[in-house]
Amino acid sequence: MSPRKRQVAIRMLIFLAVFSYIGYIASQRLPSFDFWVIMGFFALFFTWTIIETIIYREPQTRVVEDDDQRSYLYLQLSSMLVLFVALLDFLEFKCTRVTLLEPGITILGFIFFIIYITVRYQAIIHLGSYYNPRVALYEEHSLVKEGPYRKIRHPFYLSALLSVLSLSCIFNSGAALLLTVLAVIPAIVYRINIEEEFLLEHFGEEYKQYMEQSSRIIPGIW
């Protein structure tokens, strides 16, 4: 098993243990609707984690430069904070949960989550062995402009935004949505700025032309 897949497997086991415990508590304490929302989310989450592990392709060459500047860490921590707050708000505190919006807001959240999976799947497939969660450059690296990359330069960060929006809606948490605006979106913008500067440095005129023909994450808007 590769180091990458080993890390994913360990992460899955940890999440499985945590989510199993939460599921058990939920079955004892929550009404039927809340319980099935939790179970539905866990099922989708683990299904996608398995799919992503299967479609991941090992790098064909070594990394020659890494200029991440902790952007991946900031994005991961802010996204995990949204999940943590959304779950607490849904299961325990219910401070910003508006039950009048249910089940519509929950259904919308699951739709966002499925779109997130679709976008991320396409991004991983087309990036292939160049996929790296950090801002890095491989030997003989070429610029990918196929699939979702034809219209947007950063489908991974679009999927990151869809992910936290889906969490806010599935768990009907205004606090999670506020954290998305205050923490996750700035982390995404920071990451995009670092990556674009990095790619401009290495691909020069080719990347400038690509920028003129595409949007960052929302076609025709930004």
Protein backbone atom coordinates (compact mmCIF):
# COMPACT_ATOMS: atom_id res chain seq x y z
CA MET A 1 0.00 0.00 0.00
CA SER A 2 1.34 3.44 -0.97
CA PRO A 3 1.97 6.08 1.74
CA ARG A 4 -0.93 8.14 0.36
CA LYS A 5 -3.40 5.25 0.52
CA ARG A 6 -2.10 4.24 3.95
CA GLN A 7 -2.79 7.76 5.24
CA VAL A 8 -6.29 7.68 3.74
CA ALA A 9 -6.96 4.27 5.29
CA ILE A 10 -5.87 5.50 8.73
CA ARG A 11 -8.01 8.62 8.35
CA MET A 12 -11.00 6.50 7.33
CA LEU A 13 -10.60 4.26 10.36
CA ILE A 14 -10.45 7.27 12.68
CA PHE A 15 -13.50 8.87 11.08
CA LEU A 16 -15.33 5.53 11.15
CA ALA A 17 -14.69 5.20 14.87
CA VAL A 18 -15.77 8.79 15.59
CA PHE A 19 -18.82 8.66 13.33
CA SER A 20 -19.87 5.25 14.69
CA TYR A 21 -19.82 6.68 18.19
CA ILE A 22 -21.77 9.75 17.08
CA GLY A 23 -24.22 7.49 15.23
CA TYR A 24 -24.75 5.40 18.35
CA ILE A 25 -25.38 8.48 20.48
CA ALA A 26 -27.67 9.87 17.79
CA SER A 27 -29.73 6.67 17.72
CA GLN A 28 -30.30 6.97 21.48
CA ARG A 29 -31.02 10.67 21.69
CA LEU A 30 -32.25 12.06 18.38
CA PRO A 31 -35.63 12.04 16.68
CA SER A 32 -35.96 9.91 13.55
CA PHE A 33 -35.39 12.76 11.04
CA ASP A 34 -32.18 13.92 12.69
CA PHE A 35 -30.84 10.38 12.97
CA TRP A 36 -31.37 9.62 9.27
CA VAL A 37 -29.79 12.94 8.26
CA ILE A 38 -26.66 11.95 10.19
CA MET A 39 -26.66 8.42 8.73
CA GLY A 40 -27.22 9.72 5.19
CA PHE A 41 -24.30 12.10 5.47
CA PHE A 42 -21.99 9.43 6.92
CA ALA A 43 -22.94 7.00 4.12
CA LEU A 44 -22.19 9.57 1.40
CA PHE A 45 -18.98 10.66 3.07
CA PHE A 46 -17.54 7.16 3.35
CA THR A 47 -18.69 6.16 -0.13
CA TRP A 48 -16.90 9.13 -1.62
CA THR A 49 -13.76 8.54 0.47
CA ILE A 50 -13.54 5.00 -0.89
CA ILE A 51 -14.10 6.19 -4.49
CA GLU A 52 -11.45 8.90 -4.14
CA THR A 53 -8.96 6.35 -2.82
CA ILE A 54 -9.65 4.05 -5.78
CA ILE A 55 -9.29 6.72 -8.49
CA TYR A 56 -6.16 8.30 -7.00
CA ARG A 57 -3.12 7.85 -9.24
CA GLU A 58 0.39 7.78 -7.88
CA PRO A 59 2.79 10.50 -9.17
CA GLN A 60 4.94 9.33 -12.09
CA THR A 61 7.79 11.72 -11.26
CA ARG A 62 9.11 13.38 -8.13
CA VAL A 63 8.17 16.83 -6.79
CA VAL A 64 10.83 19.39 -7.76
CA GLU A 65 9.33 22.41 -5.98
CA ASP A 66 6.81 22.99 -3.20
CA ASP A 67 5.49 26.44 -2.31
CA ASP A 68 2.37 25.63 -0.29
CA GLN A 69 2.91 28.31 2.39
CA ARG A 70 0.58 26.39 4.75
CA SER A 71 -2.39 27.12 2.49
CA TYR A 72 -3.48 23.46 2.52
CA LEU A 73 -3.33 23.42 6.32
CA TYR A 74 -5.47 26.57 6.59
CA LEU A 75 -8.03 25.19 4.15
CA GLN A 76 -8.20 21.83 5.93
CA LEU A 77 -8.50 23.32 9.42
CA SER A 78 -11.17 25.84 8.43
CA SER A 79 -13.21 23.13 6.63
CA MET A 80 -12.94 20.76 9.58
CA LEU A 81 -14.05 23.57 11.89
CA VAL A 82 -17.17 24.05 9.75
CA LEU A 83 -17.96 20.32 10.02
CA PHE A 84 -17.38 20.33 13.79
CA VAL A 85 -19.58 23.40 14.38
CA ALA A 86 -22.31 22.14 12.03
CA LEU A 87 -22.49 18.81 13.86
CA LEU A 88 -22.53 20.45 17.29
CA ASP A 89 -25.22 22.88 16.19
CA PHE A 90 -27.32 20.06 14.76
CA LEU A 91 -26.87 17.51 17.52
CA GLU A 92 -26.48 19.53 20.69
CA PHE A 93 -26.85 23.30 20.82
CA LYS A 94 -29.31 24.05 17.97
CA CYS A 95 -28.40 27.73 18.37
CA THR A 96 -28.73 28.66 14.69
CA ARG A 97 -30.87 25.79 13.43
CA VAL A 98 -34.13 26.95 11.84
CA THR A 99 -36.40 23.89 11.81
CA LEU A 100 -38.98 25.70 9.63
CA LEU A 101 -36.53 25.35 6.74
CA GLU A 102 -36.45 21.55 7.04
CA PRO A 103 -36.49 19.24 5.17
CA GLY A 104 -35.93 21.56 2.18
CA ILE A 105 -32.63 22.98 3.41
CA THR A 106 -31.37 19.47 4.20
CA ILE A 107 -32.28 18.17 0.74
CA LEU A 108 -30.52 21.18 -0.80
CA GLY A 109 -27.45 20.32 1.27
CA PHE A 110 -27.35 16.76 -0.05
CA ILE A 111 -27.69 18.12 -3.61
CA PHE A 112 -24.71 20.42 -2.97
CA PHE A 113 -22.76 17.44 -1.61
CA ILE A 114 -23.45 15.35 -4.71
CA ILE A 115 -22.37 18.27 -6.93
CA TYR A 116 -19.22 18.57 -4.79
CA ILE A 117 -18.46 14.90 -5.38
CA THR A 118 -19.05 15.27 -9.13
CA VAL A 119 -16.77 18.31 -9.46
CA ARG A 120 -14.01 16.79 -7.35
CA TYR A 121 -14.21 13.47 -9.19
CA GLN A 122 -13.79 15.19 -12.55
CA ALA A 123 -10.90 17.30 -11.23
CA ILE A 124 -9.03 14.27 -9.87
CA ILE A 125 -9.59 12.20 -13.03
CA HIS A 126 -8.33 14.91 -15.38
CA LEU A 127 -5.42 15.96 -13.18
CA GLY A 128 -4.33 12.35 -12.92
CA SER A 129 -0.85 11.77 -11.53
CA TYR A 130 -0.32 15.53 -11.17
CA TYR A 131 -2.81 15.62 -8.30
CA ASN A 132 -1.21 16.90 -5.12
CA PRO A 133 -3.02 18.55 -2.18
CA ARG A 134 -0.09 20.94 -1.84
CA VAL A 135 1.04 23.67 -4.25
CA ALA A 136 3.78 21.67 -5.92
CA LEU A 137 5.47 21.06 -9.26
CA TYR A 138 6.52 17.68 -10.63
CA GLU A 139 9.27 16.88 -13.09
CA GLU A 140 8.05 17.23 -16.69
CA HIS A 141 4.89 18.91 -15.40
CA SER A 142 2.44 20.11 -18.04
CA LEU A 143 -0.55 22.43 -17.66
CA VAL A 144 -3.89 20.59 -17.56
CA LYS A 145 -6.66 22.35 -19.50
CA GLU A 146 -9.13 19.52 -20.12
CA GLY A 147 -12.41 18.52 -18.49
CA PRO A 148 -13.50 21.04 -15.83
CA TYR A 149 -10.18 22.85 -16.36
CA ARG A 150 -11.40 24.12 -19.72
CA LYS A 151 -13.69 26.66 -18.04
CA ILE A 152 -12.31 27.03 -14.52
CA ARG A 153 -8.73 26.97 -13.27
CA HIS A 154 -9.44 25.68 -9.76
CA PRO A 155 -12.23 23.07 -9.67
CA PHE A 156 -10.77 21.64 -6.46
CA TYR A 157 -11.46 24.89 -4.64
CA LEU A 158 -14.94 25.08 -6.13
CA SER A 159 -15.50 21.61 -4.69
CA ALA A 160 -14.11 22.77 -1.33
CA LEU A 161 -16.64 25.62 -1.28
CA LEU A 162 -19.48 23.29 -2.27
CA SER A 163 -18.43 20.90 0.50
CA VAL A 164 -18.73 23.42 3.33
CA LEU A 165 -21.92 24.90 1.86
CA SER A 166 -23.41 21.41 1.80
CA LEU A 167 -22.47 20.90 5.46
CA SER A 168 -24.12 24.18 6.46
CA CYS A 169 -27.32 23.16 4.66
CA ILE A 170 -27.45 19.44 5.55
CA PHE A 171 -27.11 20.29 9.24
CA ASN A 172 -29.09 23.52 8.92
CA SER A 173 -26.42 25.54 10.71
CA GLY A 174 -26.22 29.30 10.38
CA ALA A 175 -23.06 29.24 12.52
CA ALA A 176 -21.36 26.89 10.03
CA LEU A 177 -22.41 29.15 7.17
CA LEU A 178 -20.93 32.15 8.98
CA LEU A 179 -17.66 30.25 9.48
CA THR A 180 -17.67 29.44 5.77
CA VAL A 181 -17.79 33.15 4.97
CA LEU A 182 -15.28 34.21 7.63
CA ALA A 183 -12.77 31.34 7.49
CA VAL A 184 -13.14 28.98 4.52
CA ILE A 185 -13.63 31.54 1.74
CA PRO A 186 -10.57 33.58 2.85
CA ALA A 187 -8.58 30.31 2.99
CA ILE A 188 -9.69 29.46 -0.56
CA VAL A 189 -8.79 32.93 -1.85
CA TYR A 190 -5.40 32.75 -0.12
CA ARG A 191 -4.74 29.34 -1.64
CA ILE A 192 -5.76 30.47 -5.15
CA ASN A 193 -3.52 33.54 -4.98
CA ILE A 194 -0.52 31.42 -3.94
CA GLU A 195 -1.16 28.80 -6.62
CA GLU A 196 -1.68 31.30 -9.43
CA GLU A 197 1.51 33.17 -8.57
CA PHE A 198 3.33 29.83 -8.48
CA LEU A 199 1.94 28.71 -11.85
CA LEU A 200 2.64 32.07 -13.48
CA GLU A 201 6.24 31.77 -12.36
CA HIS A 202 6.63 28.33 -13.89
CA PHE A 203 4.36 28.40 -16.96
CA GLY A 204 4.64 32.09 -17.84
CA GLU A 205 2.87 33.14 -21.03
CA GLU A 206 1.00 29.83 -21.36
CA TYR A 207 -0.64 30.38 -17.99
CA LYS A 208 -1.38 34.05 -18.76
CA GLN A 209 -3.27 33.00 -21.87
CA TYR A 210 -5.07 30.30 -19.91
CA MET A 211 -6.13 32.90 -17.32
CA GLU A 212 -7.65 35.03 -20.09
CA GLN A 213 -9.68 32.07 -21.35
CA SER A 214 -10.97 30.78 -18.01
CA SER A 215 -12.40 31.80 -14.63
CA ARG A 216 -11.01 30.95 -11.21
CA ILE A 217 -13.87 28.88 -9.78
CA ILE A 218 -17.18 30.32 -11.09
CA PRO A 219 -17.46 30.54 -14.91
CA GLY A 220 -18.08 34.07 -16.12
CA ILE A 221 -18.12 35.52 -12.58
CA TRP A 222 -14.78 35.00 -10.80
